[in-house]
Amino acid sequence: MKIKRDFILREIAGDILLVPAGKTALDLNGMLTLNEVGAEIWKMLPEVESEEEIVQRLLQEYDAEPAQVREDVSEFMSQLRKLEIV
């Protein structure tokens, strides 16, 4: 999936943050806080073609209900789309 904006993933004082960089820093006010799974998804984005691929990778990594993983991935991706990040 294509990431349309510039961000740097950082862990600061135990928080995982997406810090806007370059022109993105001018367009968006503030940083985005991610949980551990959100950070995993962020790292996958350049390598995956679909949300379903993200779901499958997460199910291999975590012992979770597939329906819940799909819902969580869908919600996360929806937020990224809303902010025009993907």
PDB file of N, CA and C in Angstrom:
ATOM      1  N   MET A   1       0.855  -1.174   0.000  1.00  0.00           N
ATOM      2  CA  MET A   1       0.000   0.000   0.000  1.00  0.00           C
ATOM      3  C   MET A   1       0.897   1.232   0.000  1.00  0.00           C
ATOM      4  N   LYS A   2       0.447   2.224  -0.670  1.00  0.00           N
ATOM      5  CA  LYS A   2       1.259   3.428  -0.785  1.00  0.00           C
ATOM      6  C   LYS A   2       0.963   4.405   0.354  1.00  0.00           C
ATOM      7  N   ILE A   3       2.026   4.830   1.023  1.00  0.00           N
ATOM      8  CA  ILE A   3       1.917   5.854   2.064  1.00  0.00           C
ATOM      9  C   ILE A   3       2.115   7.194   1.374  1.00  0.00           C
ATOM     10  N   LYS A   4       1.120   8.075   1.494  1.00  0.00           N
ATOM     11  CA  LYS A   4       1.114   9.332   0.759  1.00  0.00           C
ATOM     12  C   LYS A   4       1.792  10.486   1.493  1.00  0.00           C
ATOM     13  N   ARG A   5       2.071  10.320   2.756  1.00  0.00           N
ATOM     14  CA  ARG A   5       2.671  11.403   3.540  1.00  0.00           C
ATOM     15  C   ARG A   5       3.945  10.919   4.214  1.00  0.00           C
ATOM     16  N   ASP A   6       4.781  11.873   4.605  1.00  0.00           N
ATOM     17  CA  ASP A   6       6.057  11.538   5.239  1.00  0.00           C
ATOM     18  C   ASP A   6       5.913  11.513   6.759  1.00  0.00           C
ATOM     19  N   PHE A   7       6.228  10.362   7.335  1.00  0.00           N
ATOM     20  CA  PHE A   7       6.235  10.204   8.786  1.00  0.00           C
ATOM     21  C   PHE A   7       7.475   9.437   9.193  1.00  0.00           C
ATOM     22  N   ILE A   8       7.890   9.650  10.423  1.00  0.00           N
ATOM     23  CA  ILE A   8       8.980   8.885  11.016  1.00  0.00           C
ATOM     24  C   ILE A   8       8.394   8.178  12.233  1.00  0.00           C
ATOM     25  N   LEU A   9       8.579   6.872  12.316  1.00  0.00           N
ATOM     26  CA  LEU A   9       8.104   6.088  13.447  1.00  0.00           C
ATOM     27  C   LEU A   9       9.157   6.161  14.554  1.00  0.00           C
ATOM     28  N   ARG A  10       8.739   6.614  15.732  1.00  0.00           N
ATOM     29  CA  ARG A  10       9.669   6.760  16.857  1.00  0.00           C
ATOM     30  C   ARG A  10       9.039   6.235  18.141  1.00  0.00           C
ATOM     31  N   GLU A  11       9.870   5.711  19.017  1.00  0.00           N
ATOM     32  CA  GLU A  11       9.425   5.365  20.369  1.00  0.00           C
ATOM     33  C   GLU A  11      10.049   6.382  21.312  1.00  0.00           C
ATOM     34  N   ILE A  12       9.187   7.109  22.003  1.00  0.00           N
ATOM     35  CA  ILE A  12       9.644   8.173  22.893  1.00  0.00           C
ATOM     36  C   ILE A  12       8.969   7.982  24.244  1.00  0.00           C
ATOM     37  N   ALA A  13       9.770   7.798  25.279  1.00  0.00           N
ATOM     38  CA  ALA A  13       9.281   7.629  26.647  1.00  0.00           C
ATOM     39  C   ALA A  13       8.204   6.547  26.730  1.00  0.00           C
ATOM     40  N   GLY A  14       8.406   5.445  26.012  1.00  0.00           N
ATOM     41  CA  GLY A  14       7.474   4.331  26.054  1.00  0.00           C
ATOM     42  C   GLY A  14       6.281   4.459  25.124  1.00  0.00           C
ATOM     43  N   ASP A  15       6.120   5.606  24.469  1.00  0.00           N
ATOM     44  CA  ASP A  15       5.035   5.792  23.511  1.00  0.00           C
ATOM     45  C   ASP A  15       5.553   5.586  22.097  1.00  0.00           C
ATOM     46  N   ILE A  16       4.736   4.978  21.248  1.00  0.00           N
ATOM     47  CA  ILE A  16       5.093   4.797  19.846  1.00  0.00           C
ATOM     48  C   ILE A  16       4.380   5.892  19.059  1.00  0.00           C
ATOM     49  N   LEU A  17       5.159   6.702  18.376  1.00  0.00           N
ATOM     50  CA  LEU A  17       4.613   7.871  17.695  1.00  0.00           C
ATOM     51  C   LEU A  17       4.952   7.884  16.215  1.00  0.00           C
ATOM     52  N   LEU A  18       4.022   8.413  15.427  1.00  0.00           N
ATOM     53  CA  LEU A  18       4.296   8.756  14.035  1.00  0.00           C
ATOM     54  C   LEU A  18       4.499  10.262  14.027  1.00  0.00           C
ATOM     55  N   VAL A  19       5.713  10.669  13.720  1.00  0.00           N
ATOM     56  CA  VAL A  19       6.069  12.081  13.722  1.00  0.00           C
ATOM     57  C   VAL A  19       6.060  12.580  12.281  1.00  0.00           C
ATOM     58  N   PRO A  20       5.236  13.597  11.986  1.00  0.00           N
ATOM     59  CA  PRO A  20       5.217  14.114  10.616  1.00  0.00           C
ATOM     60  C   PRO A  20       6.563  14.729  10.256  1.00  0.00           C
ATOM     61  N   ALA A  21       6.965  14.545   9.010  1.00  0.00           N
ATOM     62  CA  ALA A  21       8.237  15.084   8.526  1.00  0.00           C
ATOM     63  C   ALA A  21       7.990  15.854   7.233  1.00  0.00           C
ATOM     64  N   GLY A  22       8.916  16.720   6.893  1.00  0.00           N
ATOM     65  CA  GLY A  22       8.826  17.463   5.642  1.00  0.00           C
ATOM     66  C   GLY A  22       7.547  18.254   5.533  1.00  0.00           C
ATOM     67  N   LYS A  23       6.953  18.253   4.351  1.00  0.00           N
ATOM     68  CA  LYS A  23       5.721  18.992   4.088  1.00  0.00           C
ATOM     69  C   LYS A  23       4.564  18.499   4.949  1.00  0.00           C
ATOM     70  N   THR A  24       4.582  17.228   5.301  1.00  0.00           N
ATOM     71  CA  THR A  24       3.525  16.673   6.148  1.00  0.00           C
ATOM     72  C   THR A  24       3.460  17.393   7.483  1.00  0.00           C
ATOM     73  N   ALA A  25       4.610  17.804   8.021  1.00  0.00           N
ATOM     74  CA  ALA A  25       4.629  18.521   9.291  1.00  0.00           C
ATOM     75  C   ALA A  25       3.886  19.854   9.191  1.00  0.00           C
ATOM     76  N   LEU A  26       3.888  20.460   8.002  1.00  0.00           N
ATOM     77  CA  LEU A  26       3.166  21.710   7.797  1.00  0.00           C
ATOM     78  C   LEU A  26       1.666  21.476   7.648  1.00  0.00           C
ATOM     79  N   ASP A  27       1.295  20.325   7.070  1.00  0.00           N
ATOM     80  CA  ASP A  27      -0.110  20.014   6.798  1.00  0.00           C
ATOM     81  C   ASP A  27      -0.857  19.479   8.014  1.00  0.00           C
ATOM     82  N   LEU A  28      -0.179  18.692   8.834  1.00  0.00           N
ATOM     83  CA  LEU A  28      -0.817  18.062   9.989  1.00  0.00           C
ATOM     84  C   LEU A  28      -0.254  18.639  11.280  1.00  0.00           C
ATOM     85  N   ASN A  29      -1.134  18.947  12.186  1.00  0.00           N
ATOM     86  CA  ASN A  29      -0.696  19.455  13.491  1.00  0.00           C
ATOM     87  C   ASN A  29      -0.571  18.292  14.461  1.00  0.00           C
ATOM     88  N   GLY A  30       0.599  18.101  15.019  1.00  0.00           N
ATOM     89  CA  GLY A  30       0.786  17.082  16.034  1.00  0.00           C
ATOM     90  C   GLY A  30       1.247  15.747  15.503  1.00  0.00           C
ATOM     91  N   MET A  31       1.440  14.845  16.451  1.00  0.00           N
ATOM     92  CA  MET A  31       1.906  13.499  16.157  1.00  0.00           C
ATOM     93  C   MET A  31       0.756  12.524  16.343  1.00  0.00           C
ATOM     94  N   LEU A  32       0.915  11.336  15.801  1.00  0.00           N
ATOM     95  CA  LEU A  32      -0.069  10.277  15.966  1.00  0.00           C
ATOM     96  C   LEU A  32       0.514   9.221  16.897  1.00  0.00           C
ATOM     97  N   THR A  33      -0.243   8.832  17.907  1.00  0.00           N
ATOM     98  CA  THR A  33       0.189   7.805  18.842  1.00  0.00           C
ATOM     99  C   THR A  33      -0.359   6.461  18.393  1.00  0.00           C
ATOM    100  N   LEU A  34       0.513   5.455  18.354  1.00  0.00           N
ATOM    101  CA  LEU A  34       0.129   4.111  17.942  1.00  0.00           C
ATOM    102  C   LEU A  34       0.332   3.144  19.097  1.00  0.00           C
ATOM    103  N   ASN A  35      -0.458   2.080  19.098  1.00  0.00           N
ATOM    104  CA  ASN A  35      -0.154   0.987  20.008  1.00  0.00           C
ATOM    105  C   ASN A  35       0.794   0.028  19.282  1.00  0.00           C
ATOM    106  N   GLU A  36       1.143  -1.063  19.935  1.00  0.00           N
ATOM    107  CA  GLU A  36       2.104  -2.005  19.357  1.00  0.00           C
ATOM    108  C   GLU A  36       1.616  -2.575  18.025  1.00  0.00           C
ATOM    109  N   VAL A  37       0.337  -2.921  17.948  1.00  0.00           N
ATOM    110  CA  VAL A  37      -0.207  -3.490  16.717  1.00  0.00           C
ATOM    111  C   VAL A  37      -0.267  -2.428  15.619  1.00  0.00           C
ATOM    112  N   GLY A  38      -0.634  -1.210  15.979  1.00  0.00           N
ATOM    113  CA  GLY A  38      -0.639  -0.123  15.004  1.00  0.00           C
ATOM    114  C   GLY A  38       0.742   0.086  14.412  1.00  0.00           C
ATOM    115  N   ALA A  39       1.765  -0.004  15.245  1.00  0.00           N
ATOM    116  CA  ALA A  39       3.140   0.135  14.761  1.00  0.00           C
ATOM    117  C   ALA A  39       3.502  -1.016  13.822  1.00  0.00           C
ATOM    118  N   GLU A  40       3.049  -2.234  14.160  1.00  0.00           N
ATOM    119  CA  GLU A  40       3.302  -3.388  13.284  1.00  0.00           C
ATOM    120  C   GLU A  40       2.643  -3.173  11.918  1.00  0.00           C
ATOM    121  N   ILE A  41       1.404  -2.696  11.944  1.00  0.00           N
ATOM    122  CA  ILE A  41       0.693  -2.448  10.689  1.00  0.00           C
ATOM    123  C   ILE A  41       1.437  -1.390   9.885  1.00  0.00           C
ATOM    124  N   TRP A  42       1.854  -0.316  10.544  1.00  0.00           N
ATOM    125  CA  TRP A  42       2.569   0.765   9.849  1.00  0.00           C
ATOM    126  C   TRP A  42       3.807   0.223   9.130  1.00  0.00           C
ATOM    127  N   LYS A  43       4.539  -0.637   9.808  1.00  0.00           N
ATOM    128  CA  LYS A  43       5.750  -1.204   9.216  1.00  0.00           C
ATOM    129  C   LYS A  43       5.432  -2.098   8.019  1.00  0.00           C
ATOM    130  N   MET A  44       4.257  -2.725   8.030  1.00  0.00           N
ATOM    131  CA  MET A  44       3.852  -3.619   6.928  1.00  0.00           C
ATOM    132  C   MET A  44       3.395  -2.863   5.685  1.00  0.00           C
ATOM    133  N   LEU A  45       2.877  -1.667   5.851  1.00  0.00           N
ATOM    134  CA  LEU A  45       2.192  -0.981   4.757  1.00  0.00           C
ATOM    135  C   LEU A  45       2.949  -0.958   3.431  1.00  0.00           C
ATOM    136  N   PRO A  46       4.237  -0.653   3.409  1.00  0.00           N
ATOM    137  CA  PRO A  46       4.923  -0.617   2.109  1.00  0.00           C
ATOM    138  C   PRO A  46       5.013  -1.982   1.421  1.00  0.00           C
ATOM    139  N   GLU A  47       4.831  -3.054   2.186  1.00  0.00           N
ATOM    140  CA  GLU A  47       5.031  -4.406   1.655  1.00  0.00           C
ATOM    141  C   GLU A  47       3.737  -5.112   1.265  1.00  0.00           C
ATOM    142  N   VAL A  48       2.580  -4.604   1.697  1.00  0.00           N
ATOM    143  CA  VAL A  48       1.328  -5.332   1.490  1.00  0.00           C
ATOM    144  C   VAL A  48       0.484  -4.693   0.397  1.00  0.00           C
ATOM    145  N   GLU A  49      -0.414  -5.510  -0.156  1.00  0.00           N
ATOM    146  CA  GLU A  49      -1.307  -5.049  -1.224  1.00  0.00           C
ATOM    147  C   GLU A  49      -2.720  -4.778  -0.726  1.00  0.00           C
ATOM    148  N   SER A  50      -3.095  -5.385   0.415  1.00  0.00           N
ATOM    149  CA  SER A  50      -4.485  -5.274   0.857  1.00  0.00           C
ATOM    150  C   SER A  50      -4.593  -5.354   2.378  1.00  0.00           C
ATOM    151  N   GLU A  51      -5.764  -4.947   2.869  1.00  0.00           N
ATOM    152  CA  GLU A  51      -6.045  -5.082   4.297  1.00  0.00           C
ATOM    153  C   GLU A  51      -6.057  -6.553   4.702  1.00  0.00           C
ATOM    154  N   GLU A  52      -6.566  -7.413   3.825  1.00  0.00           N
ATOM    155  CA  GLU A  52      -6.627  -8.842   4.138  1.00  0.00           C
ATOM    156  C   GLU A  52      -5.225  -9.417   4.352  1.00  0.00           C
ATOM    157  N   GLU A  53      -4.256  -8.939   3.595  1.00  0.00           N
ATOM    158  CA  GLU A  53      -2.876  -9.396   3.797  1.00  0.00           C
ATOM    159  C   GLU A  53      -2.367  -8.967   5.169  1.00  0.00           C
ATOM    160  N   ILE A  54      -2.721  -7.766   5.590  1.00  0.00           N
ATOM    161  CA  ILE A  54      -2.352  -7.305   6.936  1.00  0.00           C
ATOM    162  C   ILE A  54      -2.987  -8.212   7.978  1.00  0.00           C
ATOM    163  N   VAL A  55      -4.268  -8.505   7.814  1.00  0.00           N
ATOM    164  CA  VAL A  55      -4.988  -9.377   8.751  1.00  0.00           C
ATOM    165  C   VAL A  55      -4.298 -10.728   8.845  1.00  0.00           C
ATOM    166  N   GLN A  56      -3.963 -11.316   7.718  1.00  0.00           N
ATOM    167  CA  GLN A  56      -3.338 -12.640   7.720  1.00  0.00           C
ATOM    168  C   GLN A  56      -1.980 -12.617   8.428  1.00  0.00           C
ATOM    169  N   ARG A  57      -1.213 -11.583   8.194  1.00  0.00           N
ATOM    170  CA  ARG A  57       0.098 -11.479   8.863  1.00  0.00           C
ATOM    171  C   ARG A  57      -0.066 -11.329  10.371  1.00  0.00           C
ATOM    172  N   LEU A  58      -1.041 -10.525  10.791  1.00  0.00           N
ATOM    173  CA  LEU A  58      -1.276 -10.343  12.225  1.00  0.00           C
ATOM    174  C   LEU A  58      -1.761 -11.632  12.872  1.00  0.00           C
ATOM    175  N   LEU A  59      -2.605 -12.388  12.174  1.00  0.00           N
ATOM    176  CA  LEU A  59      -3.100 -13.650  12.722  1.00  0.00           C
ATOM    177  C   LEU A  59      -1.968 -14.664  12.889  1.00  0.00           C
ATOM    178  N   GLN A  60      -0.940 -14.583  12.054  1.00  0.00           N
ATOM    179  CA  GLN A  60       0.223 -15.465  12.214  1.00  0.00           C
ATOM    180  C   GLN A  60       1.039 -15.061  13.437  1.00  0.00           C
ATOM    181  N   GLU A  61       1.001 -13.775  13.770  1.00  0.00           N
ATOM    182  CA  GLU A  61       1.817 -13.233  14.855  1.00  0.00           C
ATOM    183  C   GLU A  61       1.115 -13.296  16.224  1.00  0.00           C
ATOM    184  N   TYR A  62      -0.204 -13.090  16.237  1.00  0.00           N
ATOM    185  CA  TYR A  62      -0.940 -12.967  17.493  1.00  0.00           C
ATOM    186  C   TYR A  62      -2.037 -14.023  17.583  1.00  0.00           C
ATOM    187  N   ASP A  63      -2.324 -14.438  18.804  1.00  0.00           N
ATOM    188  CA  ASP A  63      -3.420 -15.361  19.064  1.00  0.00           C
ATOM    189  C   ASP A  63      -4.666 -14.508  19.304  1.00  0.00           C
ATOM    190  N   ALA A  64      -5.417 -14.264  18.221  1.00  0.00           N
ATOM    191  CA  ALA A  64      -6.582 -13.392  18.307  1.00  0.00           C
ATOM    192  C   ALA A  64      -7.679 -13.909  17.396  1.00  0.00           C
ATOM    193  N   GLU A  65      -8.889 -13.474  17.668  1.00  0.00           N
ATOM    194  CA  GLU A  65     -10.030 -13.853  16.842  1.00  0.00           C
ATOM    195  C   GLU A  65      -9.943 -13.155  15.489  1.00  0.00           C
ATOM    196  N   PRO A  66     -10.056 -13.887  14.382  1.00  0.00           N
ATOM    197  CA  PRO A  66      -9.975 -13.279  13.055  1.00  0.00           C
ATOM    198  C   PRO A  66     -10.949 -12.119  12.853  1.00  0.00           C
ATOM    199  N   ALA A  67     -12.183 -12.259  13.340  1.00  0.00           N
ATOM    200  CA  ALA A  67     -13.173 -11.189  13.160  1.00  0.00           C
ATOM    201  C   ALA A  67     -12.732  -9.912  13.865  1.00  0.00           C
ATOM    202  N   GLN A  68     -12.149 -10.047  15.056  1.00  0.00           N
ATOM    203  CA  GLN A  68     -11.690  -8.869  15.799  1.00  0.00           C
ATOM    204  C   GLN A  68     -10.500  -8.220  15.107  1.00  0.00           C
ATOM    205  N   VAL A  69      -9.587  -9.041  14.607  1.00  0.00           N
ATOM    206  CA  VAL A  69      -8.424  -8.509  13.895  1.00  0.00           C
ATOM    207  C   VAL A  69      -8.875  -7.743  12.651  1.00  0.00           C
ATOM    208  N   ARG A  70      -9.809  -8.319  11.894  1.00  0.00           N
ATOM    209  CA  ARG A  70     -10.333  -7.644  10.691  1.00  0.00           C
ATOM    210  C   ARG A  70     -10.959  -6.300  11.046  1.00  0.00           C
ATOM    211  N   GLU A  71     -11.751  -6.299  12.112  1.00  0.00           N
ATOM    212  CA  GLU A  71     -12.401  -5.057  12.545  1.00  0.00           C
ATOM    213  C   GLU A  71     -11.371  -4.006  12.950  1.00  0.00           C
ATOM    214  N   ASP A  72     -10.370  -4.411  13.717  1.00  0.00           N
ATOM    215  CA  ASP A  72      -9.334  -3.483  14.173  1.00  0.00           C
ATOM    216  C   ASP A  72      -8.516  -2.937  13.006  1.00  0.00           C
ATOM    217  N   VAL A  73      -8.151  -3.814  12.068  1.00  0.00           N
ATOM    218  CA  VAL A  73      -7.385  -3.380  10.903  1.00  0.00           C
ATOM    219  C   VAL A  73      -8.218  -2.417  10.065  1.00  0.00           C
ATOM    220  N   SER A  74      -9.484  -2.743   9.883  1.00  0.00           N
ATOM    221  CA  SER A  74     -10.373  -1.881   9.107  1.00  0.00           C
ATOM    222  C   SER A  74     -10.488  -0.495   9.741  1.00  0.00           C
ATOM    223  N   GLU A  75     -10.631  -0.444  11.051  1.00  0.00           N
ATOM    224  CA  GLU A  75     -10.734   0.830  11.763  1.00  0.00           C
ATOM    225  C   GLU A  75      -9.437   1.639  11.638  1.00  0.00           C
ATOM    226  N   PHE A  76      -8.302   0.975  11.812  1.00  0.00           N
ATOM    227  CA  PHE A  76      -7.010   1.651  11.712  1.00  0.00           C
ATOM    228  C   PHE A  76      -6.806   2.224  10.308  1.00  0.00           C
ATOM    229  N   MET A  77      -7.085   1.390   9.300  1.00  0.00           N
ATOM    230  CA  MET A  77      -6.904   1.834   7.916  1.00  0.00           C
ATOM    231  C   MET A  77      -7.875   2.958   7.565  1.00  0.00           C
ATOM    232  N   SER A  78      -9.068   2.905   8.111  1.00  0.00           N
ATOM    233  CA  SER A  78     -10.054   3.960   7.888  1.00  0.00           C
ATOM    234  C   SER A  78      -9.530   5.300   8.406  1.00  0.00           C
ATOM    235  N   GLN A  79      -8.906   5.266   9.565  1.00  0.00           N
ATOM    236  CA  GLN A  79      -8.328   6.495  10.127  1.00  0.00           C
ATOM    237  C   GLN A  79      -7.184   7.017   9.258  1.00  0.00           C
ATOM    238  N   LEU A  80      -6.350   6.115   8.758  1.00  0.00           N
ATOM    239  CA  LEU A  80      -5.258   6.538   7.878  1.00  0.00           C
ATOM    240  C   LEU A  80      -5.802   7.146   6.588  1.00  0.00           C
ATOM    241  N   ARG A  81      -6.863   6.558   6.058  1.00  0.00           N
ATOM    242  CA  ARG A  81      -7.479   7.115   4.844  1.00  0.00           C
ATOM    243  C   ARG A  81      -8.112   8.481   5.116  1.00  0.00           C
ATOM    244  N   LYS A  82      -8.752   8.606   6.260  1.00  0.00           N
ATOM    245  CA  LYS A  82      -9.395   9.869   6.623  1.00  0.00           C
ATOM    246  C   LYS A  82      -8.374  11.000   6.685  1.00  0.00           C
ATOM    247  N   LEU A  83      -7.179  10.690   7.167  1.00  0.00           N
ATOM    248  CA  LEU A  83      -6.105  11.684   7.250  1.00  0.00           C
ATOM    249  C   LEU A  83      -5.298  11.768   5.941  1.00  0.00           C
ATOM    250  N   GLU A  84      -5.743  11.027   4.936  1.00  0.00           N
ATOM    251  CA  GLU A  84      -5.091  10.984   3.623  1.00  0.00           C
ATOM    252  C   GLU A  84      -3.627  10.552   3.719  1.00  0.00           C
ATOM    253  N   ILE A  85      -3.386   9.573   4.602  1.00  0.00           N
ATOM    254  CA  ILE A  85      -2.033   9.037   4.775  1.00  0.00           C
ATOM    255  C   ILE A  85      -1.808   7.879   3.823  1.00  0.00           C
ATOM    256  N   VAL A  86      -2.847   7.091   3.563  1.00  0.00           N
ATOM    257  CA  VAL A  86      -2.761   6.007   2.563  1.00  0.00           C
ATOM    258  C   VAL A  86      -3.830   6.216   1.517  1.00  0.00           C
TER     259      VAL A  86
END
